[in-house]
N, C-alpha and C. Protein backbone atom coordinates (compact mmCIF):
# COMPACT_ATOMS: atom_id res chain seq x y z
N MET A 1 7.48 -5.76 -11.58
CA MET A 1 6.49 -5.71 -10.59
C MET A 1 5.38 -6.96 -10.68
N SER A 2 5.67 -7.99 -9.78
CA SER A 2 4.81 -9.06 -10.01
C SER A 2 3.48 -9.12 -9.06
N ALA A 3 2.40 -9.22 -9.97
CA ALA A 3 0.81 -9.34 -9.30
C ALA A 3 0.73 -8.19 -8.20
N GLN A 4 0.97 -6.75 -9.07
CA GLN A 4 0.95 -5.89 -8.12
C GLN A 4 0.34 -4.53 -8.69
N VAL A 5 0.06 -3.73 -7.89
CA VAL A 5 -0.07 -2.24 -8.62
C VAL A 5 0.77 -1.42 -7.48
N ILE A 6 0.87 -0.21 -7.81
CA ILE A 6 1.85 0.77 -7.24
C ILE A 6 1.65 0.53 -5.79
N ASN A 7 1.55 0.10 -5.05
CA ASN A 7 0.75 -0.19 -3.75
C ASN A 7 1.52 0.46 -2.59
N PRO A 8 0.53 0.42 -1.84
CA PRO A 8 -0.74 0.83 -1.46
C PRO A 8 -0.71 2.06 -2.31
N LEU A 9 -1.27 2.32 -2.80
CA LEU A 9 -1.59 3.47 -3.69
C LEU A 9 -0.54 4.55 -3.31
N PHE A 10 0.09 5.41 -3.86
CA PHE A 10 0.78 6.32 -3.47
C PHE A 10 2.08 6.03 -2.50
N SER A 11 3.13 5.64 -3.37
CA SER A 11 4.22 5.15 -2.78
C SER A 11 4.81 6.03 -1.79
N SER A 12 5.44 5.52 -0.81
CA SER A 12 6.17 6.53 0.16
C SER A 12 7.13 5.97 1.10
N LEU A 13 7.47 5.59 2.49
CA LEU A 13 8.60 6.32 3.19
C LEU A 13 8.93 5.70 4.35
N LEU A 14 9.65 5.44 5.68
CA LEU A 14 10.35 4.42 6.61
C LEU A 14 10.39 4.59 8.04
N LEU A 15 11.04 4.76 9.15
CA LEU A 15 11.24 3.95 10.32
C LEU A 15 11.10 4.70 11.67
N LEU A 16 11.22 3.95 12.69
CA LEU A 16 11.44 4.26 14.21
C LEU A 16 10.35 3.70 15.06
N SER A 17 10.40 3.56 16.40
CA SER A 17 9.65 3.34 17.39
C SER A 17 8.47 2.54 17.20
N THR A 18 8.10 1.85 18.40
CA THR A 18 6.77 1.21 18.52
C THR A 18 6.23 1.30 19.82
N VAL A 19 6.71 1.99 20.77
CA VAL A 19 5.80 2.11 21.96
C VAL A 19 5.01 3.25 21.63
N SER A 20 3.84 3.00 21.93
CA SER A 20 2.89 3.97 21.33
C SER A 20 1.59 4.11 22.22
N LEU A 21 0.83 5.23 21.64
CA LEU A 21 -0.57 5.45 22.17
C LEU A 21 -1.55 5.55 21.13
N PRO A 22 -2.70 5.16 21.30
CA PRO A 22 -3.61 5.30 20.09
C PRO A 22 -3.97 6.60 19.82
N ALA A 23 -4.52 6.80 18.60
CA ALA A 23 -4.38 8.35 18.25
C ALA A 23 -5.83 8.15 17.04
N VAL A 24 -6.76 9.07 16.93
CA VAL A 24 -7.73 9.19 16.11
C VAL A 24 -7.23 9.73 14.75
N ALA A 25 -8.03 9.56 13.53
CA ALA A 25 -7.73 10.02 12.40
C ALA A 25 -8.16 11.59 12.26
N GLU A 26 -7.26 12.50 11.61
CA GLU A 26 -7.57 13.75 11.54
C GLU A 26 -7.57 14.01 10.20
N GLN A 27 -8.29 15.32 9.72
CA GLN A 27 -8.54 15.44 8.26
C GLN A 27 -6.93 15.92 7.85
N TYR A 28 -6.39 16.77 8.52
CA TYR A 28 -5.14 17.16 8.21
C TYR A 28 -3.84 16.45 8.81
N ARG A 29 -3.20 15.91 7.72
CA ARG A 29 -2.11 14.71 8.36
C ARG A 29 -0.94 14.95 7.41
N HIS A 30 0.17 14.25 7.79
CA HIS A 30 1.24 14.19 6.81
C HIS A 30 0.73 13.74 5.49
N ILE A 31 1.61 14.14 4.38
CA ILE A 31 1.10 13.75 2.98
C ILE A 31 1.27 12.15 2.89
N ALA A 32 2.14 11.68 3.51
CA ALA A 32 2.41 10.23 3.33
C ALA A 32 1.61 9.20 4.26
N ASP A 33 0.83 9.71 5.15
CA ASP A 33 -0.05 9.05 6.10
C ASP A 33 -1.06 8.28 5.39
N PRO A 34 -1.39 7.23 5.65
CA PRO A 34 -2.47 6.21 4.88
C PRO A 34 -3.76 6.54 5.49
N LEU A 35 -4.04 7.45 6.44
CA LEU A 35 -5.20 7.81 6.88
C LEU A 35 -5.48 9.38 6.54
N ASN A 36 -4.54 9.92 5.74
CA ASN A 36 -4.74 11.21 5.44
C ASN A 36 -6.16 11.30 4.39
N LEU A 37 -7.02 12.38 4.90
CA LEU A 37 -8.23 12.52 4.23
C LEU A 37 -8.21 13.82 3.20
N SER A 38 -7.10 14.05 2.28
CA SER A 38 -7.19 15.07 1.54
C SER A 38 -7.32 14.35 0.19
N ASP A 39 -7.55 15.39 -0.78
CA ASP A 39 -7.75 14.93 -2.05
C ASP A 39 -6.34 15.04 -2.77
N SER A 40 -6.05 14.07 -3.48
CA SER A 40 -4.53 14.00 -3.89
C SER A 40 -4.42 13.83 -5.16
N LEU A 41 -3.14 13.94 -5.98
CA LEU A 41 -2.79 13.33 -7.34
C LEU A 41 -1.41 12.58 -7.04
N TYR A 42 -0.90 11.78 -7.80
CA TYR A 42 0.05 10.93 -7.84
C TYR A 42 0.69 10.50 -9.22
N VAL A 43 1.84 10.80 -9.38
CA VAL A 43 2.59 10.43 -10.72
C VAL A 43 4.00 9.70 -10.26
N GLY A 44 4.08 8.42 -10.81
CA GLY A 44 5.34 7.75 -10.34
C GLY A 44 5.73 6.84 -11.51
N PHE A 45 7.18 6.41 -11.34
CA PHE A 45 7.81 5.53 -12.28
C PHE A 45 8.36 4.28 -11.48
N THR A 46 7.96 3.22 -12.01
CA THR A 46 8.27 1.89 -11.54
C THR A 46 8.94 1.13 -12.73
N ASP A 47 10.26 0.73 -12.64
CA ASP A 47 10.83 0.13 -13.99
C ASP A 47 10.55 0.80 -15.08
N ASN A 48 10.84 2.13 -14.88
CA ASN A 48 10.61 2.74 -16.18
C ASN A 48 9.00 2.83 -16.85
N VAL A 49 8.06 2.25 -16.11
CA VAL A 49 6.68 2.33 -16.46
C VAL A 49 5.99 3.50 -15.62
N LEU A 50 5.19 4.35 -16.34
CA LEU A 50 4.61 5.63 -15.76
C LEU A 50 3.18 5.05 -14.94
N ASN A 51 3.05 5.58 -13.85
CA ASN A 51 1.70 5.25 -13.09
C ASN A 51 1.21 6.49 -12.46
N VAL A 52 -0.18 6.52 -12.55
CA VAL A 52 -0.94 7.54 -12.29
C VAL A 52 -2.17 7.31 -11.32
N GLY A 53 -2.18 8.18 -10.51
CA GLY A 53 -3.47 7.88 -9.65
C GLY A 53 -3.93 9.33 -8.93
N GLY A 54 -5.04 8.97 -8.16
CA GLY A 54 -5.34 10.04 -7.35
C GLY A 54 -6.28 9.53 -6.26
N THR A 55 -6.62 10.62 -5.30
CA THR A 55 -7.70 10.43 -4.31
C THR A 55 -8.79 11.33 -4.05
N LEU A 56 -10.18 10.93 -3.82
CA LEU A 56 -11.08 12.06 -3.49
C LEU A 56 -11.64 11.64 -2.12
N ALA A 57 -11.84 12.74 -1.43
CA ALA A 57 -12.00 12.45 0.11
C ALA A 57 -13.15 13.46 0.72
N THR A 58 -13.84 12.72 1.89
CA THR A 58 -14.72 13.59 2.52
C THR A 58 -14.30 13.71 3.95
N ASP A 59 -15.09 14.12 4.91
CA ASP A 59 -14.72 14.16 6.27
C ASP A 59 -14.37 12.69 6.75
N HIS A 60 -14.59 11.79 6.36
CA HIS A 60 -14.47 10.47 7.15
C HIS A 60 -14.13 9.27 6.11
N GLN A 61 -14.27 9.81 4.57
CA GLN A 61 -13.89 8.74 3.74
C GLN A 61 -13.01 9.07 2.56
N LYS A 62 -12.39 8.08 2.02
CA LYS A 62 -11.52 8.43 0.81
C LYS A 62 -11.75 7.51 -0.16
N PHE A 63 -11.87 7.76 -1.26
CA PHE A 63 -11.99 6.91 -2.36
C PHE A 63 -10.45 7.11 -3.38
N SER A 64 -9.66 6.11 -3.85
CA SER A 64 -8.50 6.04 -4.24
C SER A 64 -8.42 5.05 -5.62
N ALA A 65 -7.65 5.73 -6.61
CA ALA A 65 -7.26 4.73 -8.08
C ALA A 65 -6.19 5.05 -8.43
N ASN A 66 -5.53 4.06 -8.91
CA ASN A 66 -4.31 4.23 -9.75
C ASN A 66 -4.13 3.08 -10.61
N THR A 67 -3.34 3.40 -11.79
CA THR A 67 -3.16 2.58 -13.03
C THR A 67 -1.79 2.71 -13.51
N ASN A 68 -1.10 1.64 -14.06
CA ASN A 68 -0.02 2.01 -15.02
C ASN A 68 -0.44 2.46 -16.46
N THR A 69 0.26 2.92 -17.18
CA THR A 69 -0.17 3.35 -18.53
C THR A 69 -0.76 2.51 -19.44
N GLY A 70 -0.11 1.29 -19.24
CA GLY A 70 -0.87 -0.04 -19.85
C GLY A 70 -2.14 -0.30 -19.60
N GLY A 71 -2.65 0.03 -18.32
CA GLY A 71 -3.93 -0.51 -17.91
C GLY A 71 -4.18 -1.76 -17.65
N ASP A 72 -3.00 -2.39 -17.38
CA ASP A 72 -3.02 -4.03 -17.08
C ASP A 72 -2.83 -4.25 -15.52
N LYS A 73 -2.36 -3.36 -14.90
CA LYS A 73 -2.27 -3.16 -13.33
C LYS A 73 -3.10 -2.12 -12.78
N TRP A 74 -3.89 -2.34 -12.01
CA TRP A 74 -4.62 -1.17 -11.42
C TRP A 74 -5.04 -1.44 -10.02
N HIS A 75 -5.43 -0.23 -9.25
CA HIS A 75 -5.99 -0.61 -7.95
C HIS A 75 -7.13 0.47 -7.60
N LEU A 76 -8.29 0.14 -6.85
CA LEU A 76 -9.34 0.76 -6.53
C LEU A 76 -9.23 0.78 -5.00
N GLY A 77 -9.35 1.61 -4.05
CA GLY A 77 -9.33 1.59 -2.87
C GLY A 77 -10.29 2.59 -2.02
N TYR A 78 -10.83 2.02 -1.01
CA TYR A 78 -11.92 2.72 -0.02
C TYR A 78 -11.36 2.79 1.45
N LEU A 79 -11.42 4.10 1.87
CA LEU A 79 -10.99 4.02 3.38
C LEU A 79 -12.32 4.78 4.16
N TYR A 80 -12.53 4.24 5.26
CA TYR A 80 -13.56 4.66 6.28
C TYR A 80 -12.81 5.07 7.53
N SER A 81 -12.60 6.25 7.78
CA SER A 81 -11.94 6.71 9.10
C SER A 81 -12.89 6.86 10.00
N SER A 82 -12.79 6.31 11.03
CA SER A 82 -13.83 6.24 12.28
C SER A 82 -13.34 7.06 13.23
N SER A 83 -14.13 7.45 14.30
CA SER A 83 -13.74 8.39 15.42
C SER A 83 -13.17 7.43 16.50
N ASN A 84 -13.06 5.84 16.10
CA ASN A 84 -12.33 5.41 17.26
C ASN A 84 -11.07 4.73 16.74
N GLN A 85 -10.37 3.71 17.48
CA GLN A 85 -9.09 3.35 17.06
C GLN A 85 -8.89 2.62 15.80
N TRP A 86 -9.93 2.10 15.18
CA TRP A 86 -9.83 1.12 13.95
C TRP A 86 -10.65 1.73 12.91
N HIS A 87 -10.01 1.53 11.67
CA HIS A 87 -10.36 2.26 10.28
C HIS A 87 -10.57 1.16 9.37
N LEU A 88 -11.71 1.14 8.64
CA LEU A 88 -12.16 0.31 7.64
C LEU A 88 -11.48 0.38 6.28
N ARG A 89 -10.63 -0.45 5.88
CA ARG A 89 -10.19 -0.23 4.27
C ARG A 89 -10.58 -1.43 3.43
N ALA A 90 -10.88 -1.21 2.42
CA ALA A 90 -11.28 -2.07 1.00
C ALA A 90 -10.56 -1.92 -0.08
N SER A 91 -10.26 -2.87 -0.86
CA SER A 91 -9.70 -2.62 -2.07
C SER A 91 -9.78 -3.66 -3.07
N ILE A 92 -9.62 -3.29 -4.40
CA ILE A 92 -9.79 -4.26 -5.53
C ILE A 92 -8.36 -4.14 -6.27
N ASP A 93 -7.69 -5.10 -6.54
CA ASP A 93 -6.40 -4.97 -7.49
C ASP A 93 -6.38 -5.87 -8.49
N HIS A 94 -6.11 -5.41 -9.81
CA HIS A 94 -5.95 -6.28 -10.98
C HIS A 94 -4.45 -6.17 -11.26
N GLY A 95 -3.75 -7.36 -11.49
CA GLY A 95 -2.44 -7.48 -12.03
C GLY A 95 -2.19 -8.84 -12.65
N LYS A 96 -0.98 -9.18 -12.57
CA LYS A 96 -0.55 -10.46 -13.22
C LYS A 96 -0.03 -11.31 -12.36
N THR A 97 -0.24 -12.68 -12.45
CA THR A 97 0.38 -13.76 -11.51
C THR A 97 0.71 -14.74 -12.41
N ASP A 98 1.92 -15.35 -12.03
CA ASP A 98 2.69 -16.63 -12.57
C ASP A 98 2.07 -17.69 -12.54
N THR A 99 1.46 -18.51 -13.42
CA THR A 99 0.99 -19.80 -13.58
C THR A 99 1.97 -20.84 -14.44
N PRO A 100 1.52 -22.08 -14.34
CA PRO A 100 2.15 -23.07 -15.27
C PRO A 100 1.90 -22.64 -16.74
N GLN A 101 0.96 -21.93 -17.16
CA GLN A 101 0.81 -21.73 -18.56
C GLN A 101 1.21 -20.15 -18.94
N GLY A 102 2.19 -19.56 -17.81
CA GLY A 102 2.63 -18.24 -18.07
C GLY A 102 1.83 -17.38 -17.20
N LYS A 103 1.70 -16.07 -17.50
CA LYS A 103 1.30 -15.09 -16.62
C LYS A 103 -0.07 -15.00 -16.95
N ALA A 104 -0.91 -14.91 -15.98
CA ALA A 104 -2.55 -14.63 -16.06
C ALA A 104 -3.04 -13.47 -15.21
N SER A 105 -4.01 -12.95 -15.90
CA SER A 105 -4.64 -11.64 -14.94
C SER A 105 -5.28 -12.34 -13.77
N HIS A 106 -5.28 -11.35 -12.74
CA HIS A 106 -5.82 -11.83 -11.55
C HIS A 106 -6.63 -10.62 -10.95
N TYR A 107 -7.60 -11.00 -10.07
CA TYR A 107 -8.26 -9.92 -9.34
C TYR A 107 -8.06 -10.19 -8.07
N GLN A 108 -7.63 -9.30 -6.93
CA GLN A 108 -7.63 -9.65 -5.70
C GLN A 108 -8.58 -8.51 -4.65
N TYR A 109 -9.54 -9.15 -4.14
CA TYR A 109 -10.32 -8.31 -3.24
C TYR A 109 -10.10 -8.51 -1.76
N GLN A 110 -9.99 -7.18 -1.21
CA GLN A 110 -9.40 -7.26 0.16
C GLN A 110 -10.36 -6.53 1.04
N LEU A 111 -10.48 -6.74 2.34
CA LEU A 111 -11.27 -6.16 3.42
C LEU A 111 -10.56 -6.20 4.77
N GLY A 112 -10.19 -4.83 5.32
CA GLY A 112 -9.28 -5.14 6.51
C GLY A 112 -9.63 -3.96 7.46
N LEU A 113 -8.94 -3.88 8.70
CA LEU A 113 -9.21 -2.85 9.65
C LEU A 113 -7.60 -2.39 9.86
N MET A 114 -7.48 -1.02 9.84
CA MET A 114 -6.09 -0.52 10.29
C MET A 114 -6.24 0.29 11.68
N HIS A 115 -5.15 -0.04 12.51
CA HIS A 115 -4.98 0.77 13.81
C HIS A 115 -3.82 1.53 13.75
N GLU A 116 -4.02 2.70 14.28
CA GLU A 116 -2.90 3.76 14.22
C GLU A 116 -2.42 3.93 15.77
N HIS A 117 -0.93 4.23 15.87
CA HIS A 117 -0.13 4.21 17.24
C HIS A 117 0.75 5.34 16.96
N LYS A 118 0.79 6.44 17.90
CA LYS A 118 1.79 7.54 17.94
C LYS A 118 2.99 7.23 18.77
N GLY A 119 4.13 7.00 18.26
CA GLY A 119 5.26 6.44 19.03
C GLY A 119 6.30 7.77 19.34
N TRP A 120 7.32 7.44 19.63
CA TRP A 120 8.53 8.28 19.99
C TRP A 120 8.71 9.11 18.90
N LEU A 121 9.26 10.41 19.31
CA LEU A 121 9.49 11.28 18.30
C LEU A 121 8.67 11.71 16.90
N LYS A 122 7.29 11.62 17.15
CA LYS A 122 6.64 11.82 15.96
C LYS A 122 6.35 10.49 15.08
N THR A 123 6.84 9.49 15.63
CA THR A 123 6.83 8.41 14.85
C THR A 123 5.29 7.97 14.63
N GLN A 124 4.73 7.34 13.60
CA GLN A 124 3.53 6.84 13.54
C GLN A 124 3.66 5.37 13.15
N VAL A 125 2.73 4.37 13.83
CA VAL A 125 2.88 3.17 13.44
C VAL A 125 1.36 2.79 13.03
N PHE A 126 1.26 2.03 11.61
CA PHE A 126 0.07 1.68 11.42
C PHE A 126 0.07 0.25 11.17
N THR A 127 -0.93 -0.58 11.87
CA THR A 127 -1.01 -1.89 11.42
C THR A 127 -2.44 -2.23 10.96
N GLU A 128 -2.30 -3.15 10.10
CA GLU A 128 -3.72 -3.68 9.46
C GLU A 128 -3.71 -5.11 9.17
N PHE A 129 -4.98 -5.55 9.46
CA PHE A 129 -5.34 -6.92 9.36
C PHE A 129 -6.47 -7.22 8.75
N ALA A 130 -6.36 -8.09 7.53
CA ALA A 130 -7.46 -8.23 6.53
C ALA A 130 -7.54 -9.58 6.16
N VAL A 131 -8.30 -9.92 5.48
CA VAL A 131 -8.65 -11.13 4.74
C VAL A 131 -8.96 -10.75 2.95
N ASN A 132 -8.33 -11.59 2.22
CA ASN A 132 -8.36 -11.27 0.82
C ASN A 132 -8.59 -12.53 -0.02
N HIS A 133 -9.13 -12.26 -1.07
CA HIS A 133 -9.60 -13.27 -2.10
C HIS A 133 -8.97 -13.06 -3.31
N LEU A 134 -7.83 -14.16 -3.79
CA LEU A 134 -7.48 -13.95 -4.97
C LEU A 134 -8.05 -14.85 -6.23
N ALA A 135 -8.42 -14.09 -7.11
CA ALA A 135 -9.09 -15.04 -8.43
C ALA A 135 -8.08 -14.84 -9.44
N VAL A 136 -7.44 -15.99 -9.98
CA VAL A 136 -6.45 -15.95 -11.17
C VAL A 136 -7.19 -16.70 -12.26
N LYS A 137 -7.20 -16.00 -13.47
CA LYS A 137 -7.90 -16.38 -14.62
C LYS A 137 -7.38 -17.82 -15.19
N SER A 138 -8.20 -18.71 -15.28
CA SER A 138 -7.99 -19.93 -15.84
C SER A 138 -7.04 -20.84 -14.86
N TYR A 139 -6.86 -20.33 -13.70
CA TYR A 139 -6.01 -21.28 -13.00
C TYR A 139 -6.82 -21.65 -11.57
N THR A 140 -6.43 -20.87 -10.60
CA THR A 140 -7.06 -21.08 -9.11
C THR A 140 -7.45 -19.98 -8.36
N ASP A 141 -8.45 -20.09 -7.41
CA ASP A 141 -8.77 -19.12 -6.63
C ASP A 141 -8.14 -19.36 -5.04
N SER A 142 -7.97 -18.30 -4.38
CA SER A 142 -7.32 -18.53 -2.90
C SER A 142 -7.67 -17.40 -2.03
N THR A 143 -8.00 -17.85 -0.73
CA THR A 143 -8.48 -16.95 0.12
C THR A 143 -7.30 -16.81 1.13
N ALA A 144 -6.85 -15.61 1.80
CA ALA A 144 -5.68 -15.38 2.48
C ALA A 144 -6.05 -14.49 3.57
N ALA A 145 -5.22 -14.84 4.79
CA ALA A 145 -5.16 -13.86 5.60
C ALA A 145 -4.13 -13.01 5.53
N ASN A 146 -4.16 -11.59 5.81
CA ASN A 146 -3.31 -10.67 5.45
C ASN A 146 -2.94 -9.82 6.76
N ALA A 147 -1.40 -9.39 6.63
CA ALA A 147 -1.15 -8.50 7.83
C ALA A 147 -0.16 -7.70 7.55
N SER A 148 -0.15 -6.20 7.93
CA SER A 148 0.87 -5.46 7.38
C SER A 148 1.10 -4.32 8.53
N ILE A 149 2.51 -3.62 8.22
CA ILE A 149 3.01 -2.51 9.38
C ILE A 149 3.51 -1.53 8.42
N THR A 150 3.17 -0.30 8.79
CA THR A 150 3.87 1.03 8.14
C THR A 150 4.47 1.69 9.36
N VAL A 151 5.57 2.09 9.19
CA VAL A 151 6.30 2.94 10.17
C VAL A 151 6.55 4.26 9.54
N LEU A 152 5.77 5.45 9.74
CA LEU A 152 6.19 6.62 9.08
C LEU A 152 6.78 7.49 10.15
N LYS A 153 8.04 7.97 9.67
CA LYS A 153 8.89 8.86 10.56
C LYS A 153 9.18 10.06 10.03
N PRO A 154 8.61 11.37 10.42
CA PRO A 154 9.39 12.71 9.83
C PRO A 154 10.58 12.86 10.65
N ILE A 155 11.59 13.12 9.76
CA ILE A 155 12.91 13.33 10.16
C ILE A 155 13.23 14.65 10.48
N THR A 156 13.07 15.56 9.73
CA THR A 156 13.20 16.91 9.78
C THR A 156 11.94 17.71 9.44
N GLU A 157 11.91 18.98 9.36
CA GLU A 157 10.73 19.66 8.83
C GLU A 157 10.29 19.15 7.42
N HIS A 158 11.31 18.88 6.58
CA HIS A 158 10.89 18.42 5.19
C HIS A 158 11.33 16.85 4.85
N TRP A 159 12.24 16.41 5.56
CA TRP A 159 12.52 14.91 5.22
C TRP A 159 11.61 14.02 6.05
N TYR A 160 11.32 12.90 5.28
CA TYR A 160 10.44 11.92 6.09
C TYR A 160 10.91 10.31 5.51
N SER A 161 10.62 9.48 6.30
CA SER A 161 11.05 8.04 5.84
C SER A 161 9.80 6.94 6.25
N GLU A 162 9.99 5.89 5.60
CA GLU A 162 8.89 4.90 5.81
C GLU A 162 9.42 3.61 5.62
N LEU A 163 8.96 2.64 6.66
CA LEU A 163 9.44 1.24 6.54
C LEU A 163 8.04 0.58 6.31
N TYR A 164 7.73 -0.55 5.25
CA TYR A 164 6.46 -1.12 5.31
C TYR A 164 6.80 -2.57 4.93
N ALA A 165 6.00 -3.43 5.53
CA ALA A 165 6.11 -4.83 5.42
C ALA A 165 4.65 -5.17 5.31
N ARG A 166 4.50 -6.41 4.56
CA ARG A 166 3.23 -7.18 4.42
C ARG A 166 3.40 -8.49 4.17
N GLY A 167 2.44 -9.46 4.67
CA GLY A 167 2.45 -10.91 4.41
C GLY A 167 1.14 -11.41 4.23
N ASN A 168 0.97 -12.35 3.44
CA ASN A 168 -0.14 -13.19 3.02
C ASN A 168 0.12 -14.56 3.32
N ALA A 169 -1.01 -15.30 3.84
CA ALA A 169 -0.92 -16.59 4.07
C ALA A 169 -2.11 -17.14 3.63
N GLY A 170 -2.42 -18.40 2.69
CA GLY A 170 -3.59 -19.06 2.41
C GLY A 170 -4.12 -19.49 3.52
N ILE A 171 -5.62 -19.49 3.60
CA ILE A 171 -6.32 -20.16 4.77
C ILE A 171 -7.50 -20.98 4.25
N ASP A 172 -7.40 -21.27 3.05
CA ASP A 172 -8.28 -22.39 2.41
C ASP A 172 -7.93 -23.68 1.93
N GLY A 173 -6.86 -24.12 2.14
CA GLY A 173 -6.09 -25.16 1.73
C GLY A 173 -5.25 -24.95 0.44
N VAL A 174 -5.44 -23.76 -0.07
CA VAL A 174 -4.30 -23.49 -1.39
C VAL A 174 -2.99 -23.06 -0.90
N GLU A 175 -1.90 -23.68 -1.48
CA GLU A 175 -0.50 -23.35 -0.83
C GLU A 175 -0.17 -21.97 -1.43
N ARG A 176 -0.62 -20.77 -0.73
CA ARG A 176 -0.25 -19.35 -0.95
C ARG A 176 0.43 -18.62 -0.18
N PHE A 177 1.55 -18.03 -0.44
CA PHE A 177 2.27 -17.25 0.42
C PHE A 177 2.64 -16.13 -0.45
N ASP A 178 2.67 -14.84 0.14
CA ASP A 178 3.53 -13.67 -0.62
C ASP A 178 3.69 -12.61 0.39
N ALA A 179 4.80 -11.99 0.18
CA ALA A 179 5.38 -10.95 0.93
C ALA A 179 5.70 -9.64 0.26
N ARG A 180 5.66 -8.55 0.87
CA ARG A 180 6.21 -7.28 0.19
C ARG A 180 6.81 -6.32 1.30
N ALA A 181 7.96 -5.78 0.92
CA ALA A 181 8.58 -4.85 1.97
C ALA A 181 9.38 -3.65 1.37
N TRP A 182 9.29 -2.49 1.75
CA TRP A 182 9.79 -1.51 1.12
C TRP A 182 10.47 -0.47 2.24
N LEU A 183 11.71 0.23 1.67
CA LEU A 183 12.29 1.20 2.42
C LEU A 183 12.28 2.42 1.47
N ALA A 184 11.81 3.58 2.05
CA ALA A 184 11.69 4.96 1.48
C ALA A 184 12.11 5.97 2.09
N MET A 185 12.35 6.98 1.31
CA MET A 185 12.69 8.12 1.85
C MET A 185 12.16 9.29 0.91
N GLY A 186 11.32 10.12 1.47
CA GLY A 186 10.88 11.13 0.83
C GLY A 186 11.19 12.78 1.44
N TYR A 187 10.70 13.62 0.38
CA TYR A 187 11.00 15.27 0.91
C TYR A 187 9.76 15.88 0.54
N GLN A 188 9.27 16.48 1.57
CA GLN A 188 8.23 17.37 1.57
C GLN A 188 8.39 18.55 1.43
N VAL A 189 8.21 19.26 0.04
CA VAL A 189 8.70 20.73 -0.52
C VAL A 189 7.85 21.66 0.48
N ASN A 190 6.49 21.20 0.52
CA ASN A 190 5.52 22.01 1.42
C ASN A 190 4.44 21.21 1.61
N PRO A 191 3.36 21.67 2.40
CA PRO A 191 2.29 20.59 2.77
C PRO A 191 1.67 20.10 1.61
N GLN A 192 1.60 20.60 0.48
CA GLN A 192 1.03 20.05 -0.76
C GLN A 192 1.70 19.42 -1.70
N TRP A 193 3.08 19.33 -1.59
CA TRP A 193 3.88 18.61 -2.70
C TRP A 193 5.11 17.81 -1.95
N SER A 194 5.28 16.67 -2.56
CA SER A 194 6.29 15.67 -1.96
C SER A 194 6.82 14.92 -3.14
N TRP A 195 8.09 14.51 -2.84
CA TRP A 195 8.56 13.49 -3.79
C TRP A 195 9.25 12.20 -2.90
N VAL A 196 9.37 11.20 -3.27
CA VAL A 196 9.85 10.31 -2.81
C VAL A 196 10.70 9.06 -3.52
N VAL A 197 11.56 8.54 -3.10
CA VAL A 197 12.45 7.38 -3.65
C VAL A 197 12.25 5.99 -2.83
N ARG A 198 11.94 4.95 -3.54
CA ARG A 198 11.76 3.69 -2.46
C ARG A 198 12.28 2.50 -3.24
N TYR A 199 12.86 1.52 -2.21
CA TYR A 199 13.34 0.44 -2.66
C TYR A 199 12.38 -0.89 -2.32
N GLN A 200 11.95 -1.60 -3.20
CA GLN A 200 10.94 -2.60 -2.77
C GLN A 200 11.27 -3.96 -3.35
N TYR A 201 10.90 -4.94 -2.25
CA TYR A 201 11.03 -6.34 -2.58
C TYR A 201 9.68 -7.24 -2.52
N ASP A 202 9.54 -8.00 -3.41
CA ASP A 202 8.28 -8.66 -3.57
C ASP A 202 8.62 -10.27 -3.73
N TRP A 203 7.91 -11.05 -3.10
CA TRP A 203 8.12 -12.32 -3.02
C TRP A 203 6.78 -13.03 -3.04
N GLU A 204 6.59 -14.14 -3.89
CA GLU A 204 5.23 -14.68 -3.93
C GLU A 204 5.45 -16.30 -4.12
N LYS A 205 4.39 -17.16 -3.61
CA LYS A 205 4.50 -18.44 -3.93
C LYS A 205 2.90 -18.97 -3.87
N LEU A 206 2.59 -19.54 -5.16
CA LEU A 206 1.16 -19.94 -5.27
C LEU A 206 1.54 -21.44 -6.01
N GLU A 207 1.31 -22.27 -5.08
CA GLU A 207 1.10 -23.73 -5.11
C GLU A 207 2.74 -24.18 -5.39
N ASN A 208 3.12 -24.57 -6.68
CA ASN A 208 4.51 -24.81 -7.08
C ASN A 208 5.09 -23.71 -7.66
N ILE A 209 4.80 -22.69 -7.98
CA ILE A 209 5.39 -21.49 -8.63
C ILE A 209 5.69 -20.48 -7.68
N GLU A 210 7.07 -20.11 -7.76
CA GLU A 210 7.80 -19.30 -6.65
C GLU A 210 8.45 -18.01 -7.48
N THR A 211 8.21 -16.96 -7.21
CA THR A 211 8.73 -15.68 -7.85
C THR A 211 9.15 -14.79 -7.08
N ASP A 212 10.30 -13.85 -7.45
CA ASP A 212 10.54 -12.63 -6.47
C ASP A 212 11.09 -11.44 -7.41
N ASP A 213 10.95 -10.35 -6.88
CA ASP A 213 11.32 -9.20 -7.61
C ASP A 213 11.63 -8.00 -6.75
N THR A 214 12.63 -7.21 -7.29
CA THR A 214 13.10 -6.04 -6.61
C THR A 214 13.14 -4.80 -7.68
N GLN A 215 12.64 -3.76 -7.02
CA GLN A 215 12.56 -2.51 -7.93
C GLN A 215 12.82 -1.13 -7.37
N TRP A 216 13.01 -0.30 -8.00
CA TRP A 216 13.09 1.16 -7.67
C TRP A 216 11.82 1.88 -7.89
N VAL A 217 11.32 2.67 -7.04
CA VAL A 217 10.21 3.57 -7.26
C VAL A 217 10.46 5.02 -7.24
N PHE A 218 10.15 5.74 -8.06
CA PHE A 218 10.28 7.34 -7.96
C PHE A 218 9.04 7.87 -8.22
N ALA A 219 8.33 8.83 -7.22
CA ALA A 219 7.09 9.32 -7.47
C ALA A 219 6.92 11.02 -6.90
N VAL A 220 5.99 11.43 -7.50
CA VAL A 220 5.73 12.95 -7.07
C VAL A 220 4.40 12.96 -6.57
N ARG A 221 3.93 13.41 -5.63
CA ARG A 221 2.59 13.64 -5.13
C ARG A 221 2.10 14.91 -4.76
N SER A 222 0.89 15.19 -4.97
CA SER A 222 0.53 16.33 -4.26
C SER A 222 -0.98 16.53 -3.64
N GLN A 223 -1.13 17.15 -2.73
CA GLN A 223 -2.36 17.15 -1.91
C GLN A 223 -3.01 18.34 -1.85
N PHE A 224 -4.39 18.45 -1.80
CA PHE A 224 -4.98 19.96 -1.78
C PHE A 224 -6.47 19.75 -1.01
C-alpha cells in the first residue's frame, strides 16, 4: 500500500450506468453508499495487514476513522450531508511516500464536494471534486486538484458491486500526479452485515520518483 489508508474508509464495490437524476442523501442507505449516515464498524485485511475502523453519525453528519494495526497509516474523515445536491467532505490521511532518502511520513489534508446521481437499474453514481495539500516530512509540500467517481450497483437482493477511480494533479508547480482505481464485489448478508473483496491499483509520481502497487483487500463491515 503506497501512501494510503484503507481508502476511502470502508473498502467496497463496482459498476453500470451514468444517465441519471440528482438525489438527496437519506439516513437509510445501502451499506456501501459513501453518503450512508449510519454508525458502523469495519475490519479488513490488506496485504495481510489488519485494518480497523468505524463511523459515528448524526442526522446530517458523519465522523469516520480507520488505521492499520501498526498505526503508521490512518485516516480521519468528516461528511456533512446537506439537503441539496452537494455534500461536503473533509479528511486527513497519514501514510508513507517514497522520496530520494527512502519512505517518509506524510500528511494529506483534503476538502471537497460530492454529488450523487441515480442511474439505471438502481445504479448510484457519486462524483467528488476536491483540493488537497500533501506535506512530506523532510522533503516537499504539494497542493493538488482531485477528482473521483464511485459507481455502486446492487446486482441482486444481496450481491453488489463497485467501480472507483480517482486522480490527483499538482496545481502549485510541484510535479505530482497519482491515481487509484478499484473493482470490488460485495455480499450484504442483511442490512447490518456485509463482506467485500476488492482488487486495487495505485500509481503515484512525485517529481522524479514514480511507484505503483496492486493489492487485494478483504473486509467485513457492520452498520447499526
